[in-house]
Amino acid sequence: MKHDIENLRKFLVPEVVFGVGARFLALQYIKNLGGRKVLMVTDPGVVEAGWAQRG
């Protein structure tokens, strides 16, 4: 059986980015990895504080 190693993918442990301005740093990580979609996990307190808003 022949294996096409060009189609292999390496999966890494997710990066955890937090702190003031973290969403902008996370955006840079996403772009560097070629990501196009994001799953943002938050809680009511973060939403209420306005930290989950686009901008």
N, C-alpha and C. Protein backbone atom coordinates (compact mmCIF):
# COMPACT_ATOMS: atom_id res chain seq x y z
N MET A 1 0.85 -1.18 0.00
CA MET A 1 0.00 0.00 0.00
C MET A 1 0.89 1.24 0.00
N LYS A 2 0.68 2.13 -0.94
CA LYS A 2 1.46 3.36 -1.05
C LYS A 2 0.79 4.47 -0.23
N HIS A 3 1.60 5.20 0.54
CA HIS A 3 1.08 6.30 1.35
C HIS A 3 1.49 7.63 0.73
N ASP A 4 0.56 8.53 0.62
CA ASP A 4 0.82 9.86 0.08
C ASP A 4 1.14 10.80 1.24
N ILE A 5 2.43 10.95 1.58
CA ILE A 5 2.80 11.74 2.75
C ILE A 5 2.57 13.24 2.56
N GLU A 6 2.35 13.70 1.34
CA GLU A 6 2.08 15.11 1.12
C GLU A 6 0.73 15.53 1.70
N ASN A 7 -0.16 14.58 1.93
CA ASN A 7 -1.49 14.89 2.46
C ASN A 7 -1.59 14.69 3.97
N LEU A 8 -0.47 14.40 4.61
CA LEU A 8 -0.50 14.23 6.06
C LEU A 8 -0.65 15.57 6.75
N ARG A 9 -1.26 15.59 7.88
CA ARG A 9 -1.44 16.80 8.67
C ARG A 9 -0.92 16.55 10.08
N LYS A 10 -0.37 17.57 10.66
CA LYS A 10 0.10 17.49 12.04
C LYS A 10 -0.84 18.32 12.90
N PHE A 11 -1.38 17.72 13.92
CA PHE A 11 -2.29 18.43 14.82
C PHE A 11 -1.53 18.78 16.09
N LEU A 12 -1.66 20.01 16.51
CA LEU A 12 -0.98 20.50 17.69
C LEU A 12 -1.97 20.75 18.81
N VAL A 13 -1.47 20.77 20.00
CA VAL A 13 -2.30 21.15 21.14
C VAL A 13 -2.71 22.60 20.92
N PRO A 14 -3.98 22.94 21.13
CA PRO A 14 -4.43 24.32 20.89
C PRO A 14 -3.64 25.34 21.71
N GLU A 15 -3.41 26.48 21.12
CA GLU A 15 -2.80 27.59 21.83
C GLU A 15 -3.85 28.21 22.74
N VAL A 16 -3.47 28.61 23.91
CA VAL A 16 -4.35 29.34 24.81
C VAL A 16 -3.82 30.76 24.89
N VAL A 17 -4.63 31.70 24.44
CA VAL A 17 -4.23 33.10 24.40
C VAL A 17 -5.20 33.86 25.30
N PHE A 18 -4.67 34.61 26.27
CA PHE A 18 -5.56 35.34 27.17
C PHE A 18 -4.89 36.64 27.62
N GLY A 19 -5.70 37.54 28.15
CA GLY A 19 -5.19 38.81 28.64
C GLY A 19 -5.70 39.98 27.81
N VAL A 20 -5.27 41.17 28.18
CA VAL A 20 -5.70 42.38 27.49
C VAL A 20 -5.26 42.31 26.03
N GLY A 21 -6.19 42.50 25.12
CA GLY A 21 -5.89 42.48 23.69
C GLY A 21 -5.69 41.09 23.11
N ALA A 22 -6.02 40.05 23.88
CA ALA A 22 -5.76 38.68 23.43
C ALA A 22 -6.51 38.34 22.14
N ARG A 23 -7.68 38.91 21.96
CA ARG A 23 -8.43 38.56 20.74
C ARG A 23 -7.70 39.01 19.49
N PHE A 24 -6.92 40.08 19.59
CA PHE A 24 -6.16 40.55 18.43
C PHE A 24 -4.94 39.65 18.19
N LEU A 25 -4.32 39.21 19.26
CA LEU A 25 -3.21 38.27 19.13
C LEU A 25 -3.71 36.92 18.59
N ALA A 26 -4.86 36.50 19.06
CA ALA A 26 -5.45 35.25 18.58
C ALA A 26 -5.73 35.34 17.09
N LEU A 27 -6.18 36.50 16.63
CA LEU A 27 -6.43 36.69 15.21
C LEU A 27 -5.15 36.50 14.40
N GLN A 28 -4.04 36.97 14.91
CA GLN A 28 -2.76 36.80 14.21
C GLN A 28 -2.37 35.32 14.15
N TYR A 29 -2.59 34.59 15.25
CA TYR A 29 -2.32 33.15 15.25
C TYR A 29 -3.16 32.46 14.18
N ILE A 30 -4.42 32.82 14.11
CA ILE A 30 -5.34 32.21 13.16
C ILE A 30 -4.87 32.47 11.73
N LYS A 31 -4.50 33.70 11.44
CA LYS A 31 -4.02 34.05 10.10
C LYS A 31 -2.73 33.30 9.77
N ASN A 32 -1.81 33.22 10.72
CA ASN A 32 -0.54 32.53 10.50
C ASN A 32 -0.73 31.04 10.19
N LEU A 33 -1.76 30.44 10.77
CA LEU A 33 -2.03 29.03 10.56
C LEU A 33 -2.95 28.78 9.36
N GLY A 34 -3.37 29.86 8.69
CA GLY A 34 -4.24 29.72 7.53
C GLY A 34 -5.68 29.43 7.88
N GLY A 35 -6.07 29.74 9.10
CA GLY A 35 -7.44 29.48 9.53
C GLY A 35 -8.43 30.43 8.88
N ARG A 36 -9.66 29.95 8.71
CA ARG A 36 -10.70 30.78 8.12
C ARG A 36 -11.92 30.88 9.02
N LYS A 37 -12.06 29.96 9.96
CA LYS A 37 -13.21 29.96 10.86
C LYS A 37 -12.71 29.84 12.29
N VAL A 38 -13.44 30.45 13.21
CA VAL A 38 -13.03 30.47 14.60
C VAL A 38 -14.20 30.05 15.49
N LEU A 39 -13.88 29.30 16.52
CA LEU A 39 -14.86 28.99 17.56
C LEU A 39 -14.40 29.73 18.80
N MET A 40 -15.19 30.69 19.23
CA MET A 40 -14.86 31.46 20.43
C MET A 40 -15.75 30.99 21.56
N VAL A 41 -15.15 30.54 22.63
CA VAL A 41 -15.88 30.05 23.78
C VAL A 41 -15.79 31.12 24.86
N THR A 42 -16.92 31.49 25.42
CA THR A 42 -16.96 32.56 26.40
C THR A 42 -18.00 32.24 27.47
N ASP A 43 -18.28 33.19 28.32
CA ASP A 43 -19.31 33.00 29.34
C ASP A 43 -20.09 34.31 29.48
N PRO A 44 -21.20 34.30 30.22
CA PRO A 44 -22.02 35.50 30.33
C PRO A 44 -21.26 36.73 30.87
N GLY A 45 -20.33 36.51 31.79
CA GLY A 45 -19.57 37.63 32.35
C GLY A 45 -18.68 38.31 31.31
N VAL A 46 -18.06 37.51 30.44
CA VAL A 46 -17.22 38.05 29.37
C VAL A 46 -18.07 38.82 28.38
N VAL A 47 -19.23 38.27 28.04
CA VAL A 47 -20.13 38.95 27.11
C VAL A 47 -20.62 40.26 27.71
N GLU A 48 -21.03 40.22 28.98
CA GLU A 48 -21.52 41.41 29.66
C GLU A 48 -20.45 42.50 29.74
N ALA A 49 -19.20 42.11 29.88
CA ALA A 49 -18.10 43.07 29.94
C ALA A 49 -17.79 43.67 28.57
N GLY A 50 -18.36 43.07 27.51
CA GLY A 50 -18.13 43.58 26.16
C GLY A 50 -16.88 43.03 25.49
N TRP A 51 -16.25 42.05 26.10
CA TRP A 51 -15.00 41.52 25.55
C TRP A 51 -15.21 40.57 24.39
N ALA A 52 -16.43 40.12 24.17
CA ALA A 52 -16.70 39.16 23.10
C ALA A 52 -17.24 39.84 21.84
N GLN A 53 -17.33 41.14 21.85
CA GLN A 53 -17.87 41.88 20.69
C GLN A 53 -16.83 41.98 19.59
N ARG A 54 -17.32 42.07 18.37
CA ARG A 54 -16.43 42.31 17.23
C ARG A 54 -15.89 43.73 17.31
N GLY A 55 -14.73 43.89 16.76
CA GLY A 55 -14.20 45.26 16.74
C GLY A 55 -12.74 45.32 16.50
